[in-house]
């Protein structure tokens, strides 16, 4: 996996308004976004909406209670 895949730090991404699909399997070549690589894994992408263009911090530890956004859980041990 590349360094942008699962790790203990968020990934800052500037996104346009609209629907986005976050990768949950870690196999996407477009990580942190879904490219369909999860097919057959039993996992599905996480759909989320952005109301206006802005920078968001996406979770990469996989433990956030506010997925796909970072909530600082990676700092709690």
N, C-alpha and C. Protein backbone atom coordinates (compact mmCIF):
# COMPACT_ATOMS: atom_id res chain seq x y z
N UNK A 1 0.84 -1.19 0.00
CA UNK A 1 0.00 0.00 0.00
C UNK A 1 0.88 1.24 0.00
N UNK A 2 0.40 2.28 -0.60
CA UNK A 2 1.17 3.52 -0.62
C UNK A 2 1.07 4.20 0.73
N UNK A 3 1.86 5.22 0.93
CA UNK A 3 1.87 5.92 2.21
C UNK A 3 0.55 6.64 2.49
N UNK A 4 -0.30 6.83 1.50
CA UNK A 4 -1.57 7.51 1.74
C UNK A 4 -2.64 6.54 2.26
N UNK A 5 -2.34 5.24 2.30
CA UNK A 5 -3.29 4.27 2.81
C UNK A 5 -3.23 4.23 4.33
N UNK A 6 -3.86 3.32 4.93
CA UNK A 6 -4.08 3.28 6.37
C UNK A 6 -2.81 3.55 7.18
N UNK A 7 -2.91 4.58 8.02
CA UNK A 7 -1.82 5.01 8.88
C UNK A 7 -2.43 5.83 10.01
N UNK A 8 -1.61 6.24 10.95
CA UNK A 8 -2.13 6.98 12.11
C UNK A 8 -2.04 8.48 11.96
N UNK A 9 -2.50 8.98 10.83
CA UNK A 9 -2.62 10.42 10.63
C UNK A 9 -3.68 10.67 9.58
N UNK A 10 -4.40 11.78 9.70
CA UNK A 10 -5.43 12.09 8.70
C UNK A 10 -4.80 12.57 7.40
N UNK A 11 -5.60 12.57 6.35
CA UNK A 11 -5.17 13.06 5.05
C UNK A 11 -5.99 14.29 4.71
N UNK A 12 -5.33 15.44 4.54
CA UNK A 12 -6.02 16.67 4.16
C UNK A 12 -6.27 16.65 2.65
N UNK A 13 -7.54 16.86 2.26
CA UNK A 13 -7.91 16.84 0.85
C UNK A 13 -8.87 18.00 0.58
N UNK A 14 -8.59 18.78 -0.46
CA UNK A 14 -9.51 19.83 -0.86
C UNK A 14 -10.53 19.22 -1.82
N UNK A 15 -11.80 19.33 -1.46
CA UNK A 15 -12.87 18.72 -2.26
C UNK A 15 -13.87 19.75 -2.74
N UNK A 16 -14.39 19.49 -3.92
CA UNK A 16 -15.49 20.29 -4.46
C UNK A 16 -16.78 19.85 -3.77
N UNK A 17 -17.79 20.70 -3.82
CA UNK A 17 -19.10 20.35 -3.29
C UNK A 17 -19.65 19.16 -4.07
N UNK A 18 -20.41 18.31 -3.37
CA UNK A 18 -21.03 17.17 -4.03
C UNK A 18 -20.82 15.87 -3.27
N UNK A 19 -21.16 14.76 -3.93
CA UNK A 19 -21.03 13.43 -3.35
C UNK A 19 -19.64 12.86 -3.62
N UNK A 20 -19.11 12.19 -2.62
CA UNK A 20 -17.80 11.55 -2.73
C UNK A 20 -17.91 10.17 -2.10
N UNK A 21 -17.01 9.26 -2.50
CA UNK A 21 -17.02 7.90 -1.99
C UNK A 21 -15.63 7.55 -1.48
N UNK A 22 -15.52 7.34 -0.17
CA UNK A 22 -14.24 7.02 0.45
C UNK A 22 -13.98 5.52 0.40
N UNK A 23 -12.74 5.15 0.12
CA UNK A 23 -12.32 3.75 0.12
C UNK A 23 -12.33 3.22 1.55
N UNK A 24 -12.86 2.02 1.74
CA UNK A 24 -12.84 1.38 3.06
C UNK A 24 -12.04 0.08 3.05
N UNK A 25 -11.61 -0.37 1.85
CA UNK A 25 -10.90 -1.65 1.76
C UNK A 25 -9.38 -1.49 1.74
N UNK A 26 -8.89 -0.31 1.38
CA UNK A 26 -7.46 -0.07 1.30
C UNK A 26 -6.82 -0.52 0.00
N UNK A 27 -7.62 -0.98 -0.95
CA UNK A 27 -7.07 -1.50 -2.22
C UNK A 27 -7.14 -0.50 -3.37
N UNK A 28 -7.81 0.61 -3.19
CA UNK A 28 -8.03 1.55 -4.28
C UNK A 28 -6.74 2.21 -4.75
N UNK A 29 -6.57 2.27 -6.06
CA UNK A 29 -5.44 2.99 -6.64
C UNK A 29 -5.68 4.50 -6.54
N UNK A 30 -6.91 4.91 -6.23
CA UNK A 30 -7.26 6.32 -6.09
C UNK A 30 -7.46 6.69 -4.62
N UNK A 31 -6.91 5.90 -3.70
CA UNK A 31 -7.07 6.15 -2.27
C UNK A 31 -6.78 7.60 -1.96
N UNK A 32 -7.60 8.30 -1.21
CA UNK A 32 -8.60 7.79 -0.27
C UNK A 32 -9.99 7.59 -0.88
N UNK A 33 -10.07 7.66 -2.20
CA UNK A 33 -11.37 7.51 -2.85
C UNK A 33 -11.51 6.13 -3.47
N UNK A 34 -12.74 5.68 -3.57
CA UNK A 34 -13.05 4.35 -4.10
C UNK A 34 -12.83 4.30 -5.61
N UNK A 35 -12.25 3.20 -6.09
CA UNK A 35 -12.14 2.97 -7.53
C UNK A 35 -12.78 1.64 -7.93
N UNK A 36 -13.53 1.01 -6.98
CA UNK A 36 -14.20 -0.25 -7.27
C UNK A 36 -13.38 -1.48 -6.93
N UNK A 37 -12.17 -1.31 -6.42
CA UNK A 37 -11.30 -2.45 -6.10
C UNK A 37 -11.85 -3.35 -5.00
N UNK A 38 -12.83 -2.88 -4.25
CA UNK A 38 -13.41 -3.65 -3.14
C UNK A 38 -14.32 -4.78 -3.62
N UNK A 39 -14.71 -4.77 -4.87
CA UNK A 39 -15.68 -5.75 -5.37
C UNK A 39 -15.28 -7.17 -5.00
N UNK A 40 -16.23 -7.90 -4.40
CA UNK A 40 -15.99 -9.26 -3.95
C UNK A 40 -15.40 -9.37 -2.56
N UNK A 41 -15.10 -8.24 -1.92
CA UNK A 41 -14.48 -8.26 -0.60
C UNK A 41 -15.49 -8.23 0.54
N UNK A 42 -16.75 -7.90 0.22
CA UNK A 42 -17.75 -7.74 1.26
C UNK A 42 -17.76 -6.34 1.86
N UNK A 43 -16.86 -5.49 1.42
CA UNK A 43 -16.80 -4.11 1.89
C UNK A 43 -17.44 -3.20 0.85
N UNK A 44 -17.81 -2.01 1.28
CA UNK A 44 -18.43 -1.03 0.38
C UNK A 44 -17.84 0.34 0.69
N UNK A 45 -17.79 1.23 -0.29
CA UNK A 45 -17.28 2.57 -0.03
C UNK A 45 -18.22 3.35 0.89
N UNK A 46 -17.68 4.36 1.52
CA UNK A 46 -18.44 5.23 2.42
C UNK A 46 -18.80 6.50 1.65
N UNK A 47 -20.10 6.68 1.36
CA UNK A 47 -20.55 7.88 0.65
C UNK A 47 -20.66 9.03 1.64
N UNK A 48 -20.20 10.21 1.20
CA UNK A 48 -20.35 11.41 2.03
C UNK A 48 -20.56 12.62 1.13
N UNK A 49 -21.17 13.64 1.70
CA UNK A 49 -21.54 14.86 0.97
C UNK A 49 -20.74 16.05 1.51
N UNK A 50 -20.35 16.91 0.60
CA UNK A 50 -19.70 18.18 0.95
C UNK A 50 -20.58 19.29 0.38
N UNK A 51 -20.95 20.25 1.23
CA UNK A 51 -21.86 21.33 0.83
C UNK A 51 -21.19 22.44 0.02
N UNK A 52 -19.90 22.64 0.26
CA UNK A 52 -19.17 23.69 -0.45
C UNK A 52 -17.71 23.27 -0.57
N UNK A 53 -17.00 23.84 -1.52
CA UNK A 53 -15.59 23.50 -1.69
C UNK A 53 -14.84 23.83 -0.40
N UNK A 54 -14.08 22.84 0.11
CA UNK A 54 -13.31 23.06 1.33
C UNK A 54 -12.31 21.94 1.53
N UNK A 55 -11.39 22.15 2.45
CA UNK A 55 -10.43 21.12 2.83
C UNK A 55 -11.04 20.30 3.96
N UNK A 56 -11.00 19.00 3.80
CA UNK A 56 -11.47 18.08 4.84
C UNK A 56 -10.31 17.18 5.25
N UNK A 57 -10.41 16.60 6.44
CA UNK A 57 -9.39 15.70 6.95
C UNK A 57 -10.01 14.31 7.03
N UNK A 58 -9.54 13.42 6.16
CA UNK A 58 -10.09 12.08 6.07
C UNK A 58 -9.32 11.12 6.97
N UNK A 59 -10.06 10.26 7.65
CA UNK A 59 -9.48 9.26 8.53
C UNK A 59 -8.68 8.25 7.73
N UNK A 60 -7.48 7.90 8.24
CA UNK A 60 -6.69 6.84 7.62
C UNK A 60 -6.37 5.73 8.61
N UNK A 61 -6.82 5.86 9.88
CA UNK A 61 -6.56 4.78 10.84
C UNK A 61 -7.68 3.75 10.84
N UNK A 62 -8.84 4.14 10.29
CA UNK A 62 -9.97 3.22 10.21
C UNK A 62 -10.79 3.11 11.49
N UNK A 63 -10.52 3.98 12.46
CA UNK A 63 -11.20 3.87 13.76
C UNK A 63 -12.04 5.08 14.13
N UNK A 64 -12.14 6.07 13.26
CA UNK A 64 -12.88 7.29 13.56
C UNK A 64 -14.35 7.00 13.81
N UNK A 65 -14.91 7.66 14.79
CA UNK A 65 -16.34 7.58 15.06
C UNK A 65 -17.12 8.50 14.15
N UNK A 66 -16.44 9.26 13.32
CA UNK A 66 -17.06 10.21 12.40
C UNK A 66 -16.62 9.92 10.96
N UNK A 67 -16.48 8.67 10.64
CA UNK A 67 -16.01 8.24 9.32
C UNK A 67 -16.84 8.84 8.21
N UNK A 68 -16.21 9.32 7.14
CA UNK A 68 -14.82 9.14 6.76
C UNK A 68 -13.90 10.23 7.28
N UNK A 69 -14.40 11.10 8.14
CA UNK A 69 -13.61 12.22 8.64
C UNK A 69 -12.83 11.84 9.89
N UNK A 70 -11.66 12.43 10.05
CA UNK A 70 -10.82 12.19 11.23
C UNK A 70 -11.48 12.84 12.44
N UNK A 71 -11.50 12.10 13.56
CA UNK A 71 -11.98 12.67 14.82
C UNK A 71 -10.90 12.62 15.92
N UNK A 72 -9.67 12.33 15.53
CA UNK A 72 -8.56 12.30 16.47
C UNK A 72 -8.37 10.97 17.18
N UNK A 73 -9.15 9.96 16.85
CA UNK A 73 -9.05 8.65 17.51
C UNK A 73 -7.65 8.07 17.41
N UNK A 74 -6.95 8.32 16.31
CA UNK A 74 -5.60 7.78 16.13
C UNK A 74 -4.63 8.25 17.20
N UNK A 75 -4.93 9.35 17.88
CA UNK A 75 -4.07 9.89 18.94
C UNK A 75 -4.35 9.26 20.30
N UNK A 76 -5.44 8.50 20.41
CA UNK A 76 -5.88 7.97 21.70
C UNK A 76 -5.32 6.59 22.02
N UNK A 77 -4.40 6.12 21.21
CA UNK A 77 -3.73 4.87 21.55
C UNK A 77 -4.11 3.78 20.71
